[in-house]
Structure formats: C-alpha cells, structure tokens
Amino acid sequence: MTSRSLHCLRCARPAEGFDGCRTCAAEGIGVNAMPPLADLGGVDLGSCPGGP
C-alpha cells in the first residue's frame, strides 16, 4: 500500500484518525489503524547505530 494516510490492518481501507476501522467495527471486529511505513529506500542502514 502506497497511501500516505492511516489504513486498516485487516481490510486495508482508509481509516480516519486513531479510532480504528469503521467498516470492521461495524462487523464487530476491533482493528487499529496503521500509519504508512517509512520509505527507507536509499538509506544505508549499516551506517546507523542501533540495536536493543
């Protein structure tokens, strides 16, 4: 999914705010909305310090 907005983790429909997916909620299923993933294309992750 290339959308720059929140979307449902279950059905991938756009979600409004962090209230979750209205479509899935109408079916009795509570699903959280997910923000778009970061685009790390072209980033050299080997040069970034990190780890637990």
PDB file of N, CA and C in Angstrom:
ATOM      1  N   MET A   1       0.855  -1.187   0.000  1.00  0.00           N
ATOM      2  CA  MET A   1       0.000   0.000   0.000  1.00  0.00           C
ATOM      3  C   MET A   1       0.887   1.232   0.000  1.00  0.00           C
ATOM      4  N   THR A   2       0.620   2.133  -0.882  1.00  0.00           N
ATOM      5  CA  THR A   2       1.447   3.324  -1.000  1.00  0.00           C
ATOM      6  C   THR A   2       0.769   4.576  -0.459  1.00  0.00           C
ATOM      7  N   SER A   3      -0.360   4.423   0.189  1.00  0.00           N
ATOM      8  CA  SER A   3      -1.080   5.569   0.730  1.00  0.00           C
ATOM      9  C   SER A   3      -0.272   6.247   1.827  1.00  0.00           C
ATOM     10  N   ARG A   4      -0.421   7.544   1.947  1.00  0.00           N
ATOM     11  CA  ARG A   4       0.271   8.309   2.982  1.00  0.00           C
ATOM     12  C   ARG A   4      -0.652   8.593   4.156  1.00  0.00           C
ATOM     13  N   SER A   5      -1.739   7.824   4.305  1.00  0.00           N
ATOM     14  CA  SER A   5      -2.668   8.042   5.403  1.00  0.00           C
ATOM     15  C   SER A   5      -2.824   6.757   6.202  1.00  0.00           C
ATOM     16  N   LEU A   6      -3.548   6.859   7.293  1.00  0.00           N
ATOM     17  CA  LEU A   6      -3.817   5.683   8.114  1.00  0.00           C
ATOM     18  C   LEU A   6      -4.675   4.696   7.348  1.00  0.00           C
ATOM     19  N   HIS A   7      -4.444   3.410   7.596  1.00  0.00           N
ATOM     20  CA  HIS A   7      -5.255   2.389   6.955  1.00  0.00           C
ATOM     21  C   HIS A   7      -5.473   1.220   7.921  1.00  0.00           C
ATOM     22  N   CYS A   8      -6.487   0.432   7.646  1.00  0.00           N
ATOM     23  CA  CYS A   8      -6.859  -0.698   8.483  1.00  0.00           C
ATOM     24  C   CYS A   8      -5.897  -1.862   8.244  1.00  0.00           C
ATOM     25  N   LEU A   9      -5.461  -2.493   9.311  1.00  0.00           N
ATOM     26  CA  LEU A   9      -4.566  -3.643   9.202  1.00  0.00           C
ATOM     27  C   LEU A   9      -5.275  -4.879   8.650  1.00  0.00           C
ATOM     28  N   ARG A  10      -6.587  -4.952   8.803  1.00  0.00           N
ATOM     29  CA  ARG A  10      -7.341  -6.128   8.366  1.00  0.00           C
ATOM     30  C   ARG A  10      -7.808  -6.016   6.916  1.00  0.00           C
ATOM     31  N   CYS A  11      -8.466  -4.908   6.573  1.00  0.00           N
ATOM     32  CA  CYS A  11      -9.075  -4.799   5.247  1.00  0.00           C
ATOM     33  C   CYS A  11      -8.372  -3.783   4.343  1.00  0.00           C
ATOM     34  N   ALA A  12      -7.395  -3.068   4.865  1.00  0.00           N
ATOM     35  CA  ALA A  12      -6.590  -2.081   4.134  1.00  0.00           C
ATOM     36  C   ALA A  12      -7.369  -0.860   3.673  1.00  0.00           C
ATOM     37  N   ARG A  13      -8.589  -0.680   4.148  1.00  0.00           N
ATOM     38  CA  ARG A  13      -9.346   0.523   3.796  1.00  0.00           C
ATOM     39  C   ARG A  13      -8.793   1.718   4.560  1.00  0.00           C
ATOM     40  N   PRO A  14      -8.945   2.918   4.022  1.00  0.00           N
ATOM     41  CA  PRO A  14      -8.504   4.115   4.750  1.00  0.00           C
ATOM     42  C   PRO A  14      -9.229   4.233   6.086  1.00  0.00           C
ATOM     43  N   ALA A  15      -8.514   4.680   7.100  1.00  0.00           N
ATOM     44  CA  ALA A  15      -9.098   4.871   8.433  1.00  0.00           C
ATOM     45  C   ALA A  15      -8.985   6.343   8.786  1.00  0.00           C
ATOM     46  N   GLU A  16      -9.961   6.835   9.523  1.00  0.00           N
ATOM     47  CA  GLU A  16      -9.968   8.233   9.940  1.00  0.00           C
ATOM     48  C   GLU A  16      -9.514   8.326  11.385  1.00  0.00           C
ATOM     49  N   GLY A  17      -8.391   8.986  11.614  1.00  0.00           N
ATOM     50  CA  GLY A  17      -7.881   9.131  12.972  1.00  0.00           C
ATOM     51  C   GLY A  17      -7.435   7.799  13.547  1.00  0.00           C
ATOM     52  N   PHE A  18      -7.254   7.766  14.853  1.00  0.00           N
ATOM     53  CA  PHE A  18      -6.788   6.554  15.507  1.00  0.00           C
ATOM     54  C   PHE A  18      -7.924   5.780  16.155  1.00  0.00           C
ATOM     55  N   ASP A  19      -9.157   6.007  15.709  1.00  0.00           N
ATOM     56  CA  ASP A  19     -10.301   5.293  16.259  1.00  0.00           C
ATOM     57  C   ASP A  19     -10.429   3.895  15.685  1.00  0.00           C
ATOM     58  N   GLY A  20      -9.680   3.580  14.660  1.00  0.00           N
ATOM     59  CA  GLY A  20      -9.759   2.262  14.048  1.00  0.00           C
ATOM     60  C   GLY A  20     -10.618   2.295  12.799  1.00  0.00           C
ATOM     61  N   CYS A  21     -10.881   1.135  12.280  1.00  0.00           N
ATOM     62  CA  CYS A  21     -11.625   0.997  11.028  1.00  0.00           C
ATOM     63  C   CYS A  21     -13.124   0.925  11.295  1.00  0.00           C
ATOM     64  N   ARG A  22     -13.867   1.840  10.719  1.00  0.00           N
ATOM     65  CA  ARG A  22     -15.324   1.855  10.910  1.00  0.00           C
ATOM     66  C   ARG A  22     -15.986   0.653  10.244  1.00  0.00           C
ATOM     67  N   THR A  23     -15.454   0.218   9.098  1.00  0.00           N
ATOM     68  CA  THR A  23     -16.030  -0.915   8.382  1.00  0.00           C
ATOM     69  C   THR A  23     -15.905  -2.187   9.211  1.00  0.00           C
ATOM     70  N   CYS A  24     -14.714  -2.447   9.738  1.00  0.00           N
ATOM     71  CA  CYS A  24     -14.505  -3.642  10.554  1.00  0.00           C
ATOM     72  C   CYS A  24     -15.258  -3.536  11.882  1.00  0.00           C
ATOM     73  N   ALA A  25     -15.322  -2.329  12.455  1.00  0.00           N
ATOM     74  CA  ALA A  25     -16.057  -2.133  13.703  1.00  0.00           C
ATOM     75  C   ALA A  25     -17.537  -2.450  13.509  1.00  0.00           C
ATOM     76  N   ALA A  26     -18.093  -2.122  12.340  1.00  0.00           N
ATOM     77  CA  ALA A  26     -19.489  -2.434  12.050  1.00  0.00           C
ATOM     78  C   ALA A  26     -19.717  -3.944  11.995  1.00  0.00           C
ATOM     79  N   GLU A  27     -18.662  -4.710  11.711  1.00  0.00           N
ATOM     80  CA  GLU A  27     -18.744  -6.165  11.693  1.00  0.00           C
ATOM     81  C   GLU A  27     -18.423  -6.769  13.058  1.00  0.00           C
ATOM     82  N   GLY A  28     -18.186  -5.900  14.062  1.00  0.00           N
ATOM     83  CA  GLY A  28     -17.893  -6.358  15.407  1.00  0.00           C
ATOM     84  C   GLY A  28     -16.435  -6.721  15.629  1.00  0.00           C
ATOM     85  N   ILE A  29     -15.558  -6.262  14.742  1.00  0.00           N
ATOM     86  CA  ILE A  29     -14.142  -6.576  14.849  1.00  0.00           C
ATOM     87  C   ILE A  29     -13.386  -5.278  15.110  1.00  0.00           C
ATOM     88  N   GLY A  30     -12.706  -5.208  16.236  1.00  0.00           N
ATOM     89  CA  GLY A  30     -11.923  -4.025  16.570  1.00  0.00           C
ATOM     90  C   GLY A  30     -10.527  -4.137  15.971  1.00  0.00           C
ATOM     91  N   VAL A  31     -10.197  -3.239  15.071  1.00  0.00           N
ATOM     92  CA  VAL A  31      -8.890  -3.243  14.424  1.00  0.00           C
ATOM     93  C   VAL A  31      -8.289  -1.852  14.520  1.00  0.00           C
ATOM     94  N   ASN A  32      -7.037  -1.776  14.887  1.00  0.00           N
ATOM     95  CA  ASN A  32      -6.343  -0.494  14.966  1.00  0.00           C
ATOM     96  C   ASN A  32      -5.905  -0.030  13.590  1.00  0.00           C
ATOM     97  N   ALA A  33      -5.833   1.270  13.430  1.00  0.00           N
ATOM     98  CA  ALA A  33      -5.327   1.848  12.192  1.00  0.00           C
ATOM     99  C   ALA A  33      -3.805   1.879  12.241  1.00  0.00           C
ATOM    100  N   MET A  34      -3.197   1.739  11.093  1.00  0.00           N
ATOM    101  CA  MET A  34      -1.741   1.727  10.994  1.00  0.00           C
ATOM    102  C   MET A  34      -1.276   2.896  10.132  1.00  0.00           C
ATOM    103  N   PRO A  35      -0.256   3.624  10.593  1.00  0.00           N
ATOM    104  CA  PRO A  35       0.282   4.686   9.748  1.00  0.00           C
ATOM    105  C   PRO A  35       1.097   4.083   8.611  1.00  0.00           C
ATOM    106  N   PRO A  36       1.384   4.862   7.581  1.00  0.00           N
ATOM    107  CA  PRO A  36       2.200   4.338   6.483  1.00  0.00           C
ATOM    108  C   PRO A  36       3.603   4.006   6.980  1.00  0.00           C
ATOM    109  N   LEU A  37       4.220   3.008   6.376  1.00  0.00           N
ATOM    110  CA  LEU A  37       5.575   2.635   6.731  1.00  0.00           C
ATOM    111  C   LEU A  37       6.560   3.650   6.168  1.00  0.00           C
ATOM    112  N   ALA A  38       7.675   3.811   6.834  1.00  0.00           N
ATOM    113  CA  ALA A  38       8.712   4.733   6.369  1.00  0.00           C
ATOM    114  C   ALA A  38       9.354   4.185   5.102  1.00  0.00           C
ATOM    115  N   ASP A  39       9.667   5.073   4.195  1.00  0.00           N
ATOM    116  CA  ASP A  39      10.378   4.693   2.977  1.00  0.00           C
ATOM    117  C   ASP A  39      11.869   4.800   3.264  1.00  0.00           C
ATOM    118  N   LEU A  40      12.529   3.652   3.385  1.00  0.00           N
ATOM    119  CA  LEU A  40      13.951   3.640   3.694  1.00  0.00           C
ATOM    120  C   LEU A  40      14.807   3.390   2.462  1.00  0.00           C
ATOM    121  N   GLY A  41      14.197   3.532   1.280  1.00  0.00           N
ATOM    122  CA  GLY A  41      14.943   3.343   0.046  1.00  0.00           C
ATOM    123  C   GLY A  41      16.091   4.334  -0.050  1.00  0.00           C
ATOM    124  N   GLY A  42      17.267   3.841  -0.356  1.00  0.00           N
ATOM    125  CA  GLY A  42      18.418   4.705  -0.497  1.00  0.00           C
ATOM    126  C   GLY A  42      19.120   5.037   0.801  1.00  0.00           C
ATOM    127  N   VAL A  43      18.632   4.509   1.929  1.00  0.00           N
ATOM    128  CA  VAL A  43      19.265   4.774   3.211  1.00  0.00           C
ATOM    129  C   VAL A  43      20.232   3.635   3.514  1.00  0.00           C
ATOM    130  N   ASP A  44      21.452   3.967   3.877  1.00  0.00           N
ATOM    131  CA  ASP A  44      22.446   2.964   4.245  1.00  0.00           C
ATOM    132  C   ASP A  44      22.266   2.643   5.718  1.00  0.00           C
ATOM    133  N   LEU A  45      21.520   1.588   6.007  1.00  0.00           N
ATOM    134  CA  LEU A  45      21.236   1.245   7.391  1.00  0.00           C
ATOM    135  C   LEU A  45      22.471   0.736   8.124  1.00  0.00           C
ATOM    136  N   GLY A  46      23.472   0.282   7.394  1.00  0.00           N
ATOM    137  CA  GLY A  46      24.713  -0.171   8.019  1.00  0.00           C
ATOM    138  C   GLY A  46      25.463   0.947   8.714  1.00  0.00           C
ATOM    139  N   SER A  47      25.237   2.183   8.318  1.00  0.00           N
ATOM    140  CA  SER A  47      25.931   3.310   8.919  1.00  0.00           C
ATOM    141  C   SER A  47      25.167   3.884  10.119  1.00  0.00           C
ATOM    142  N   CYS A  48      23.998   3.330  10.412  1.00  0.00           N
ATOM    143  CA  CYS A  48      23.184   3.827  11.527  1.00  0.00           C
ATOM    144  C   CYS A  48      23.423   2.965  12.769  1.00  0.00           C
ATOM    145  N   PRO A  49      23.824   3.584  13.875  1.00  0.00           N
ATOM    146  CA  PRO A  49      23.975   2.809  15.110  1.00  0.00           C
ATOM    147  C   PRO A  49      22.598   2.382  15.591  1.00  0.00           C
ATOM    148  N   GLY A  50      22.514   1.268  16.197  1.00  0.00           N
ATOM    149  CA  GLY A  50      21.224   0.823  16.708  1.00  0.00           C
ATOM    150  C   GLY A  50      21.357  -0.515  17.400  1.00  0.00           C
ATOM    151  N   GLY A  51      20.233  -1.041  17.719  1.00  0.00           N
ATOM    152  CA  GLY A  51      20.193  -2.322  18.407  1.00  0.00           C
ATOM    153  C   GLY A  51      19.471  -2.177  19.721  1.00  0.00           C
ATOM    154  N   PRO A  52      19.196  -3.286  20.341  1.00  0.00           N
ATOM    155  CA  PRO A  52      18.473  -3.226  21.629  1.00  0.00           C
ATOM    156  C   PRO A  52      19.342  -2.697  22.750  1.00  0.00           C
TER     157      PRO A  52
END
